Amino acid sequence: MKKVLVVDDQPKISKIINEILTKSGYETILAFNGEIGYQKALETKPDLIIMDIMMPVMSGFESAKKIKSNPETSKIPIIFLTAKGQEADKEEAESLGSHAFITKPFSPKQLLQMIQSIIGN
């Protein structure tokens, strides 16, 4: 079973993504800020990370930088799922090696298709 780490400080969003992924046969791990997300990425070595940008303690960009600079986690694909849709945010995400950038509100079907195209089922 493929593992997906969901890093978002909004419990409602995490719950929706968790339901989508669980129904589709993925194991989900939840984290509610970038620091916990980074720690869980190290501990669990997920197949994919879905990351919000604006979070308390450590932003998604800061967390992604740490994940991508650590040899143990650098190859894990990251999808940014965020309310920040400015071009500068997309460019920052690309520079960090993200695999996709999805703005909220998002289509659950689109998110699932994106996950399947990156890591399969």
N, C-alpha and C. Protein backbone atom coordinates (compact mmCIF):
# COMPACT_ATOMS: atom_id res chain seq x y z
N MET A 1 0.85 -1.18 0.00
CA MET A 1 0.00 0.00 0.00
C MET A 1 0.89 1.25 0.00
N LYS A 2 0.61 2.18 -0.92
CA LYS A 2 1.40 3.41 -1.01
C LYS A 2 1.01 4.37 0.11
N LYS A 3 2.03 5.05 0.66
CA LYS A 3 1.80 5.99 1.77
C LYS A 3 1.87 7.43 1.26
N VAL A 4 0.90 8.23 1.70
CA VAL A 4 0.87 9.65 1.35
C VAL A 4 0.84 10.47 2.63
N LEU A 5 1.79 11.38 2.76
CA LEU A 5 1.84 12.30 3.90
C LEU A 5 1.10 13.57 3.51
N VAL A 6 0.10 13.93 4.30
CA VAL A 6 -0.70 15.14 4.06
C VAL A 6 -0.32 16.16 5.13
N VAL A 7 0.23 17.30 4.69
CA VAL A 7 0.68 18.34 5.62
C VAL A 7 -0.17 19.58 5.39
N ASP A 8 -1.13 19.82 6.29
CA ASP A 8 -2.04 20.96 6.16
C ASP A 8 -2.54 21.33 7.55
N ASP A 9 -2.58 22.63 7.84
CA ASP A 9 -3.01 23.07 9.17
C ASP A 9 -4.52 23.19 9.30
N GLN A 10 -5.27 22.92 8.23
CA GLN A 10 -6.73 22.99 8.29
C GLN A 10 -7.29 21.56 8.40
N PRO A 11 -7.81 21.21 9.59
CA PRO A 11 -8.31 19.84 9.79
C PRO A 11 -9.36 19.42 8.76
N LYS A 12 -10.20 20.37 8.32
CA LYS A 12 -11.25 20.04 7.35
C LYS A 12 -10.63 19.56 6.02
N ILE A 13 -9.60 20.26 5.57
CA ILE A 13 -8.93 19.88 4.31
C ILE A 13 -8.24 18.52 4.48
N SER A 14 -7.53 18.35 5.59
CA SER A 14 -6.85 17.08 5.84
C SER A 14 -7.83 15.92 5.86
N LYS A 15 -9.00 16.15 6.46
CA LYS A 15 -10.03 15.11 6.56
C LYS A 15 -10.54 14.73 5.17
N ILE A 16 -10.79 15.73 4.33
CA ILE A 16 -11.28 15.47 2.96
C ILE A 16 -10.24 14.66 2.18
N ILE A 17 -8.99 15.10 2.23
CA ILE A 17 -7.93 14.40 1.49
C ILE A 17 -7.75 12.99 2.04
N ASN A 18 -7.80 12.85 3.36
CA ASN A 18 -7.67 11.53 3.99
C ASN A 18 -8.77 10.58 3.49
N GLU A 19 -10.00 11.08 3.42
CA GLU A 19 -11.12 10.25 2.94
C GLU A 19 -10.92 9.83 1.48
N ILE A 20 -10.52 10.78 0.64
CA ILE A 20 -10.30 10.49 -0.78
C ILE A 20 -9.23 9.40 -0.93
N LEU A 21 -8.13 9.58 -0.22
CA LEU A 21 -7.00 8.65 -0.36
C LEU A 21 -7.31 7.28 0.22
N THR A 22 -7.94 7.25 1.39
CA THR A 22 -8.28 5.98 2.03
C THR A 22 -9.22 5.16 1.15
N LYS A 23 -10.24 5.83 0.59
CA LYS A 23 -11.19 5.13 -0.30
C LYS A 23 -10.50 4.61 -1.56
N SER A 24 -9.39 5.24 -1.93
CA SER A 24 -8.69 4.85 -3.15
C SER A 24 -7.54 3.88 -2.88
N GLY A 25 -7.43 3.43 -1.62
CA GLY A 25 -6.46 2.40 -1.29
C GLY A 25 -5.08 2.89 -0.86
N TYR A 26 -4.97 4.14 -0.51
CA TYR A 26 -3.69 4.67 -0.02
C TYR A 26 -3.71 4.72 1.51
N GLU A 27 -2.53 4.60 2.10
CA GLU A 27 -2.38 4.83 3.54
C GLU A 27 -2.03 6.30 3.70
N THR A 28 -2.70 6.99 4.64
CA THR A 28 -2.39 8.41 4.83
C THR A 28 -1.79 8.65 6.20
N ILE A 29 -0.89 9.63 6.22
CA ILE A 29 -0.25 10.09 7.44
C ILE A 29 -0.54 11.58 7.49
N LEU A 30 -1.00 12.10 8.63
CA LEU A 30 -1.36 13.50 8.71
C LEU A 30 -0.37 14.28 9.58
N ALA A 31 -0.10 15.53 9.15
CA ALA A 31 0.73 16.45 9.93
C ALA A 31 0.09 17.82 9.81
N PHE A 32 0.15 18.61 10.89
CA PHE A 32 -0.58 19.87 10.90
C PHE A 32 0.29 21.12 10.83
N ASN A 33 1.59 20.95 10.62
CA ASN A 33 2.46 22.09 10.29
C ASN A 33 3.71 21.55 9.61
N GLY A 34 4.51 22.46 9.04
CA GLY A 34 5.66 22.04 8.26
C GLY A 34 6.73 21.31 9.06
N GLU A 35 6.91 21.68 10.33
CA GLU A 35 7.91 21.03 11.17
C GLU A 35 7.53 19.57 11.42
N ILE A 36 6.27 19.34 11.80
CA ILE A 36 5.79 17.96 12.01
C ILE A 36 5.84 17.19 10.68
N GLY A 37 5.49 17.88 9.60
CA GLY A 37 5.55 17.25 8.27
C GLY A 37 6.94 16.75 7.95
N TYR A 38 7.94 17.58 8.23
CA TYR A 38 9.32 17.19 7.98
C TYR A 38 9.70 15.97 8.83
N GLN A 39 9.35 16.01 10.12
CA GLN A 39 9.66 14.89 11.02
C GLN A 39 9.00 13.60 10.54
N LYS A 40 7.72 13.71 10.14
CA LYS A 40 6.99 12.50 9.69
C LYS A 40 7.54 11.99 8.36
N ALA A 41 8.03 12.89 7.51
CA ALA A 41 8.65 12.46 6.25
C ALA A 41 9.90 11.63 6.56
N LEU A 42 10.69 12.07 7.53
CA LEU A 42 11.89 11.32 7.93
C LEU A 42 11.53 9.97 8.54
N GLU A 43 10.52 9.97 9.42
CA GLU A 43 10.13 8.74 10.13
C GLU A 43 9.47 7.71 9.22
N THR A 44 8.58 8.16 8.34
CA THR A 44 7.73 7.22 7.60
C THR A 44 8.14 6.99 6.15
N LYS A 45 8.98 7.86 5.59
CA LYS A 45 9.42 7.77 4.19
C LYS A 45 8.21 7.52 3.26
N PRO A 46 7.27 8.49 3.19
CA PRO A 46 6.09 8.28 2.36
C PRO A 46 6.44 8.23 0.86
N ASP A 47 5.51 7.72 0.06
CA ASP A 47 5.71 7.67 -1.40
C ASP A 47 5.45 9.03 -2.03
N LEU A 48 4.67 9.88 -1.32
CA LEU A 48 4.29 11.19 -1.84
C LEU A 48 3.93 12.09 -0.67
N ILE A 49 4.15 13.41 -0.85
CA ILE A 49 3.75 14.39 0.16
C ILE A 49 2.83 15.41 -0.49
N ILE A 50 1.69 15.67 0.16
CA ILE A 50 0.80 16.76 -0.25
C ILE A 50 0.98 17.84 0.80
N MET A 51 1.40 19.05 0.37
CA MET A 51 1.85 20.08 1.31
C MET A 51 1.15 21.41 1.06
N ASP A 52 0.60 21.97 2.14
CA ASP A 52 0.08 23.34 2.11
C ASP A 52 1.29 24.27 2.21
N ILE A 53 1.12 25.54 1.86
CA ILE A 53 2.24 26.49 1.97
C ILE A 53 2.14 27.30 3.26
N MET A 54 0.99 27.92 3.50
CA MET A 54 0.84 28.78 4.67
C MET A 54 0.43 27.97 5.89
N MET A 55 1.39 27.75 6.80
CA MET A 55 1.12 26.99 8.02
C MET A 55 1.90 27.60 9.18
N PRO A 56 1.42 27.36 10.41
CA PRO A 56 2.17 27.84 11.58
C PRO A 56 3.45 27.04 11.78
N VAL A 57 4.34 27.54 12.59
CA VAL A 57 5.61 26.92 12.99
C VAL A 57 6.62 26.92 11.83
N MET A 58 6.28 26.23 10.74
CA MET A 58 7.17 26.18 9.57
C MET A 58 6.30 26.11 8.32
N SER A 59 6.58 26.98 7.35
CA SER A 59 5.77 26.99 6.13
C SER A 59 6.04 25.74 5.28
N GLY A 60 5.16 25.51 4.33
CA GLY A 60 5.35 24.39 3.41
C GLY A 60 6.63 24.53 2.59
N PHE A 61 6.95 25.77 2.20
CA PHE A 61 8.19 25.97 1.44
C PHE A 61 9.42 25.63 2.28
N GLU A 62 9.43 26.07 3.54
CA GLU A 62 10.57 25.77 4.43
C GLU A 62 10.69 24.26 4.65
N SER A 63 9.55 23.62 4.88
CA SER A 63 9.53 22.17 5.10
C SER A 63 10.03 21.44 3.85
N ALA A 64 9.55 21.85 2.68
CA ALA A 64 9.96 21.21 1.42
C ALA A 64 11.46 21.37 1.20
N LYS A 65 12.00 22.55 1.53
CA LYS A 65 13.45 22.79 1.40
C LYS A 65 14.23 21.78 2.25
N LYS A 66 13.77 21.57 3.50
CA LYS A 66 14.45 20.62 4.38
C LYS A 66 14.32 19.19 3.85
N ILE A 67 13.13 18.85 3.37
CA ILE A 67 12.88 17.50 2.83
C ILE A 67 13.77 17.25 1.62
N LYS A 68 13.81 18.21 0.70
CA LYS A 68 14.58 18.05 -0.53
C LYS A 68 16.09 18.10 -0.31
N SER A 69 16.54 18.74 0.79
CA SER A 69 17.98 18.82 1.03
C SER A 69 18.51 17.65 1.86
N ASN A 70 17.61 16.80 2.36
CA ASN A 70 18.02 15.63 3.14
C ASN A 70 18.08 14.41 2.20
N PRO A 71 19.26 13.75 2.10
CA PRO A 71 19.39 12.60 1.19
C PRO A 71 18.36 11.49 1.46
N GLU A 72 17.91 11.35 2.71
CA GLU A 72 16.94 10.30 3.04
C GLU A 72 15.55 10.57 2.46
N THR A 73 15.23 11.85 2.22
CA THR A 73 13.88 12.21 1.78
C THR A 73 13.85 13.00 0.47
N SER A 74 15.00 13.26 -0.10
CA SER A 74 15.08 14.16 -1.26
C SER A 74 14.33 13.69 -2.50
N LYS A 75 14.12 12.39 -2.63
CA LYS A 75 13.48 11.84 -3.83
C LYS A 75 11.94 11.74 -3.70
N ILE A 76 11.40 12.08 -2.53
CA ILE A 76 9.96 11.98 -2.33
C ILE A 76 9.26 13.10 -3.12
N PRO A 77 8.32 12.75 -4.01
CA PRO A 77 7.61 13.79 -4.77
C PRO A 77 6.70 14.62 -3.86
N ILE A 78 6.59 15.91 -4.17
CA ILE A 78 5.74 16.82 -3.39
C ILE A 78 4.73 17.49 -4.31
N ILE A 79 3.46 17.47 -3.87
CA ILE A 79 2.40 18.25 -4.51
C ILE A 79 2.05 19.37 -3.55
N PHE A 80 2.16 20.61 -4.01
CA PHE A 80 1.71 21.73 -3.19
C PHE A 80 0.22 21.93 -3.43
N LEU A 81 -0.56 21.98 -2.36
CA LEU A 81 -2.00 22.20 -2.41
C LEU A 81 -2.26 23.41 -1.54
N THR A 82 -2.57 24.56 -2.15
CA THR A 82 -2.56 25.81 -1.41
C THR A 82 -3.57 26.83 -1.92
N ALA A 83 -3.90 27.77 -1.07
CA ALA A 83 -4.75 28.89 -1.47
C ALA A 83 -3.92 29.97 -2.17
N LYS A 84 -2.60 29.87 -2.07
CA LYS A 84 -1.70 30.86 -2.69
C LYS A 84 -1.47 30.49 -4.15
N GLY A 85 -2.12 31.23 -5.06
CA GLY A 85 -2.02 30.87 -6.47
C GLY A 85 -1.22 31.85 -7.31
N GLN A 86 -0.45 32.73 -6.67
CA GLN A 86 0.32 33.70 -7.43
C GLN A 86 1.45 33.02 -8.20
N GLU A 87 1.84 33.66 -9.30
CA GLU A 87 2.91 33.11 -10.14
C GLU A 87 4.21 32.92 -9.34
N ALA A 88 4.52 33.86 -8.44
CA ALA A 88 5.74 33.75 -7.63
C ALA A 88 5.71 32.49 -6.76
N ASP A 89 4.52 32.12 -6.26
CA ASP A 89 4.40 30.91 -5.45
C ASP A 89 4.64 29.66 -6.30
N LYS A 90 4.09 29.67 -7.51
CA LYS A 90 4.29 28.53 -8.42
C LYS A 90 5.77 28.38 -8.77
N GLU A 91 6.42 29.52 -9.01
CA GLU A 91 7.86 29.49 -9.33
C GLU A 91 8.68 28.98 -8.16
N GLU A 92 8.34 29.43 -6.95
CA GLU A 92 9.04 28.96 -5.74
C GLU A 92 8.86 27.44 -5.59
N ALA A 93 7.63 26.97 -5.81
CA ALA A 93 7.35 25.53 -5.71
C ALA A 93 8.18 24.75 -6.74
N GLU A 94 8.24 25.26 -7.96
CA GLU A 94 9.03 24.61 -9.01
C GLU A 94 10.50 24.57 -8.63
N SER A 95 11.01 25.68 -8.08
CA SER A 95 12.42 25.75 -7.72
C SER A 95 12.76 24.74 -6.62
N LEU A 96 11.76 24.36 -5.84
CA LEU A 96 11.96 23.37 -4.78
C LEU A 96 11.78 21.94 -5.29
N GLY A 97 11.48 21.81 -6.58
CA GLY A 97 11.35 20.48 -7.16
C GLY A 97 10.00 19.83 -6.97
N SER A 98 8.95 20.66 -6.82
CA SER A 98 7.62 20.07 -6.64
C SER A 98 7.16 19.41 -7.94
N HIS A 99 6.32 18.41 -7.81
CA HIS A 99 5.79 17.70 -8.97
C HIS A 99 4.50 18.31 -9.48
N ALA A 100 3.80 19.06 -8.63
CA ALA A 100 2.54 19.68 -9.05
C ALA A 100 2.19 20.81 -8.09
N PHE A 101 1.33 21.69 -8.57
CA PHE A 101 0.89 22.84 -7.78
C PHE A 101 -0.61 22.97 -8.01
N ILE A 102 -1.40 22.74 -6.98
CA ILE A 102 -2.86 22.78 -7.09
C ILE A 102 -3.38 23.86 -6.15
N THR A 103 -4.26 24.72 -6.66
CA THR A 103 -4.81 25.77 -5.80
C THR A 103 -6.15 25.34 -5.21
N LYS A 104 -6.39 25.81 -3.97
CA LYS A 104 -7.67 25.58 -3.29
C LYS A 104 -8.62 26.67 -3.73
N PRO A 105 -9.91 26.41 -3.84
CA PRO A 105 -10.54 25.10 -3.68
C PRO A 105 -10.10 24.17 -4.81
N PHE A 106 -10.03 22.88 -4.51
CA PHE A 106 -9.51 21.92 -5.47
C PHE A 106 -10.55 20.86 -5.81
N SER A 107 -10.33 20.21 -6.92
CA SER A 107 -11.19 19.11 -7.33
C SER A 107 -10.61 17.81 -6.78
N PRO A 108 -11.36 17.09 -5.93
CA PRO A 108 -10.85 15.81 -5.41
C PRO A 108 -10.45 14.85 -6.53
N LYS A 109 -11.22 14.85 -7.61
CA LYS A 109 -10.94 13.96 -8.74
C LYS A 109 -9.59 14.35 -9.38
N GLN A 110 -9.38 15.65 -9.56
CA GLN A 110 -8.13 16.13 -10.15
C GLN A 110 -6.95 15.76 -9.25
N LEU A 111 -7.11 15.93 -7.94
CA LEU A 111 -6.04 15.60 -7.00
C LEU A 111 -5.71 14.11 -7.08
N LEU A 112 -6.73 13.27 -7.09
CA LEU A 112 -6.52 11.83 -7.15
C LEU A 112 -5.83 11.43 -8.46
N GLN A 113 -6.24 12.03 -9.57
CA GLN A 113 -5.60 11.72 -10.85
C GLN A 113 -4.13 12.13 -10.83
N MET A 114 -3.84 13.27 -10.22
CA MET A 114 -2.47 13.75 -10.11
C MET A 114 -1.63 12.78 -9.28
N ILE A 115 -2.18 12.33 -8.14
CA ILE A 115 -1.47 11.37 -7.28
C ILE A 115 -1.20 10.08 -8.03
N GLN A 116 -2.22 9.58 -8.73
CA GLN A 116 -2.07 8.32 -9.47
C GLN A 116 -1.05 8.46 -10.58
N SER A 117 -0.99 9.64 -11.23
CA SER A 117 -0.01 9.81 -12.31
C SER A 117 1.41 9.88 -11.78
N ILE A 118 1.58 10.31 -10.53
CA ILE A 118 2.92 10.44 -9.95
C ILE A 118 3.40 9.14 -9.30
N ILE A 119 2.54 8.48 -8.51
CA ILE A 119 3.00 7.27 -7.78
C ILE A 119 2.20 6.01 -8.11
N GLY A 120 1.18 6.11 -8.96
CA GLY A 120 0.38 4.92 -9.26
C GLY A 120 -0.56 4.60 -8.11
N ASN A 121 -1.09 3.37 -8.10
CA ASN A 121 -2.05 2.99 -7.05
C ASN A 121 -1.38 2.26 -5.92
